[in-house]
Amino acid sequence: MSPFGHKDQEKQEKNDQWRLALQVEFDRLNSLQLPQLAAEVMRRGFGPGGPGADDEDVTVGQQNINAGPTAARIAGEFEPSRGFTFPLPLAEDMKLQERIARLVAEGLQELEHASLVRAQMHTASGGMDYATTRRGRAALECGEVEGILAAASA
């Protein structure tokens, strides 16, 4: 067996492990009640280290400069790291990633209804992006996101 065949087999095994981890994460998110899902989206999307954590410079509308994170960008925070670029994800993998993004979008809608985030449109991003509100930042800082969401859905 050539060394290239062994490397390809290792990459395929890593890809299979990534796909399984992606499916497990989808199943976990899909099993959450909407307030729980929204709370996770808030923490991963806007909490420390999240793509929307520092929204001081997020603009309101306009061009793509200083846009907040999109649902797809936040969904990426839930996906396991592949750690490699080849082989490329299959169509079924991208469908699963899209299903995760739809769950994240549901969580964002719940957050918006509770006035924890605000949706906006930046022309170059081609879709909605999000930023926290003052209420959302305060809820994150005080650990009150889940309580607010639970009360809003009661």
Protein backbone atom coordinates (compact mmCIF):
# COMPACT_ATOMS: atom_id res chain seq x y z
CA MET A 1 0.00 0.00 0.00
CA SER A 2 1.36 3.42 -0.89
CA PRO A 3 1.73 6.08 1.80
CA PHE A 4 -0.83 8.17 -0.06
CA GLY A 5 -3.48 5.48 0.33
CA HIS A 6 -2.95 5.42 4.10
CA LYS A 7 -3.21 9.21 4.33
CA ASP A 8 -6.41 9.19 2.29
CA GLN A 9 -7.85 6.53 4.55
CA GLU A 10 -6.95 8.60 7.65
CA LYS A 11 -8.59 11.67 6.12
CA GLN A 12 -11.71 9.70 5.31
CA GLU A 13 -11.86 8.37 8.88
CA LYS A 14 -11.48 11.90 10.25
CA ASN A 15 -14.20 13.08 7.87
CA ASP A 16 -16.49 10.27 9.05
CA GLN A 17 -15.81 11.21 12.69
CA TRP A 18 -16.57 14.87 11.92
CA ARG A 19 -19.82 13.92 10.15
CA LEU A 20 -20.89 11.82 13.13
CA ALA A 21 -20.07 14.67 15.56
CA LEU A 22 -22.06 17.06 13.37
CA GLN A 23 -25.06 14.71 13.42
CA VAL A 24 -24.80 14.32 17.21
CA GLU A 25 -24.75 18.11 17.64
CA PHE A 26 -27.76 18.53 15.36
CA ASP A 27 -29.67 15.88 17.31
CA ARG A 28 -28.76 17.55 20.60
CA LEU A 29 -29.85 21.01 19.44
CA ASN A 30 -33.01 19.64 17.86
CA SER A 31 -33.99 17.98 21.16
CA LEU A 32 -33.82 21.25 23.14
CA GLN A 33 -36.92 23.22 24.05
CA LEU A 34 -36.99 26.56 22.22
CA PRO A 35 -35.98 28.67 25.27
CA GLN A 36 -33.03 26.34 25.92
CA LEU A 37 -31.97 26.50 22.28
CA ALA A 38 -32.22 30.29 22.28
CA ALA A 39 -30.14 30.52 25.46
CA GLU A 40 -27.40 28.43 23.85
CA VAL A 41 -27.52 30.57 20.72
CA MET A 42 -27.18 33.68 22.90
CA ARG A 43 -24.18 32.29 24.80
CA ARG A 44 -22.34 30.89 21.78
CA GLY A 45 -23.22 33.72 19.44
CA PHE A 46 -22.89 36.73 21.71
CA GLY A 47 -21.16 35.53 24.87
CA PRO A 48 -17.40 35.70 25.46
CA GLY A 49 -15.51 34.44 22.43
CA GLY A 50 -18.61 34.38 20.22
CA PRO A 51 -18.74 36.13 16.84
CA GLY A 52 -21.09 38.80 18.23
CA ALA A 53 -19.38 39.23 21.61
CA ASP A 54 -17.94 42.65 20.85
CA ASP A 55 -20.77 44.56 19.23
CA GLU A 56 -19.51 48.02 20.16
CA ASP A 57 -18.72 48.74 16.51
CA VAL A 58 -21.69 46.95 14.93
CA THR A 59 -23.42 49.39 12.64
CA VAL A 60 -27.15 49.66 12.08
CA GLY A 61 -27.73 48.62 8.49
CA GLN A 62 -25.52 50.15 5.79
CA GLN A 63 -22.90 48.20 3.88
CA ASN A 64 -21.22 45.07 5.14
CA ILE A 65 -18.65 46.93 7.21
CA ASN A 66 -19.13 46.13 10.91
CA ALA A 67 -22.13 43.86 10.39
CA GLY A 68 -23.14 41.57 13.22
CA PRO A 69 -23.01 37.79 12.87
CA THR A 70 -25.51 36.00 10.65
CA ALA A 71 -27.41 32.85 11.64
CA ALA A 72 -25.00 30.84 9.49
CA ARG A 73 -21.98 32.38 11.23
CA ILE A 74 -23.41 31.61 14.66
CA ALA A 75 -24.31 28.09 13.48
CA GLY A 76 -20.62 27.59 12.78
CA GLU A 77 -20.01 27.92 16.52
CA PHE A 78 -22.03 24.73 17.04
CA GLU A 79 -20.25 22.71 14.38
CA PRO A 80 -17.28 20.58 15.35
CA SER A 81 -14.00 21.67 13.85
CA ARG A 82 -13.00 19.60 10.84
CA GLY A 83 -9.29 20.32 11.26
CA PHE A 84 -8.70 19.69 7.55
CA THR A 85 -9.88 20.99 4.18
CA PHE A 86 -9.87 17.82 2.08
CA PRO A 87 -11.99 15.88 1.37
CA LEU A 88 -14.62 18.56 0.97
CA PRO A 89 -17.94 18.13 2.79
CA LEU A 90 -20.50 16.18 0.80
CA ALA A 91 -23.88 17.60 -0.21
CA GLU A 92 -25.49 15.68 2.67
CA ASP A 93 -22.99 17.28 5.09
CA MET A 94 -23.87 20.75 3.83
CA LYS A 95 -27.57 19.91 4.22
CA LEU A 96 -26.93 18.98 7.83
CA GLN A 97 -25.03 22.23 8.37
CA GLU A 98 -28.02 24.07 6.90
CA ARG A 99 -30.36 22.25 9.29
CA ILE A 100 -28.22 23.45 12.20
CA ALA A 101 -28.36 26.99 10.80
CA ARG A 102 -32.18 26.78 10.69
CA LEU A 103 -32.25 25.76 14.35
CA VAL A 104 -29.98 28.68 15.19
CA ALA A 105 -32.32 30.98 13.23
CA GLU A 106 -35.22 29.74 15.37
CA GLY A 107 -33.20 30.53 18.48
CA LEU A 108 -32.41 33.99 17.14
CA GLN A 109 -36.09 34.65 16.51
CA GLU A 110 -36.87 33.69 20.10
CA LEU A 111 -34.09 36.02 21.30
CA GLU A 112 -35.45 38.81 19.15
CA HIS A 113 -38.98 38.34 20.53
CA ALA A 114 -37.54 38.63 24.06
CA SER A 115 -35.73 41.86 23.01
CA LEU A 116 -32.30 40.33 23.69
CA VAL A 117 -31.03 40.77 20.13
CA ARG A 118 -31.99 42.97 17.23
CA ALA A 119 -32.09 41.90 13.60
CA GLN A 120 -30.80 44.17 10.89
CA MET A 121 -29.86 44.08 7.22
CA HIS A 122 -26.49 44.98 5.80
CA THR A 123 -26.66 45.30 2.03
CA ALA A 124 -23.51 43.33 1.16
CA SER A 125 -24.17 40.43 3.55
CA GLY A 126 -27.31 39.47 1.63
CA GLY A 127 -29.31 38.57 4.72
CA MET A 128 -30.06 39.36 8.29
CA ASP A 129 -27.37 39.86 10.85
CA TYR A 130 -27.78 40.34 14.58
CA ALA A 131 -26.52 42.40 17.48
CA THR A 132 -27.34 42.32 21.16
CA THR A 133 -29.56 44.93 22.73
CA ARG A 134 -28.77 46.63 26.03
CA ARG A 135 -31.17 44.18 27.64
CA GLY A 136 -29.39 41.26 25.98
CA ARG A 137 -25.93 42.42 27.09
CA ALA A 138 -27.17 42.89 30.65
CA ALA A 139 -28.84 39.46 30.66
CA LEU A 140 -25.61 37.84 29.46
CA GLU A 141 -23.55 39.63 32.09
CA CYS A 142 -25.93 38.68 34.90
CA GLY A 143 -26.63 35.14 33.73
CA GLU A 144 -30.35 35.88 33.27
CA VAL A 145 -30.84 34.82 29.64
CA GLU A 146 -32.57 31.52 30.40
CA GLY A 147 -34.86 33.10 33.00
CA ILE A 148 -35.95 35.85 30.61
CA LEU A 149 -36.59 33.33 27.84
CA ALA A 150 -38.51 30.99 30.12
CA ALA A 151 -40.71 33.85 31.32
CA ALA A 152 -41.28 35.05 27.75
CA SER A 153 -42.44 31.62 26.59
CA ALA A 154 -44.66 30.92 29.61
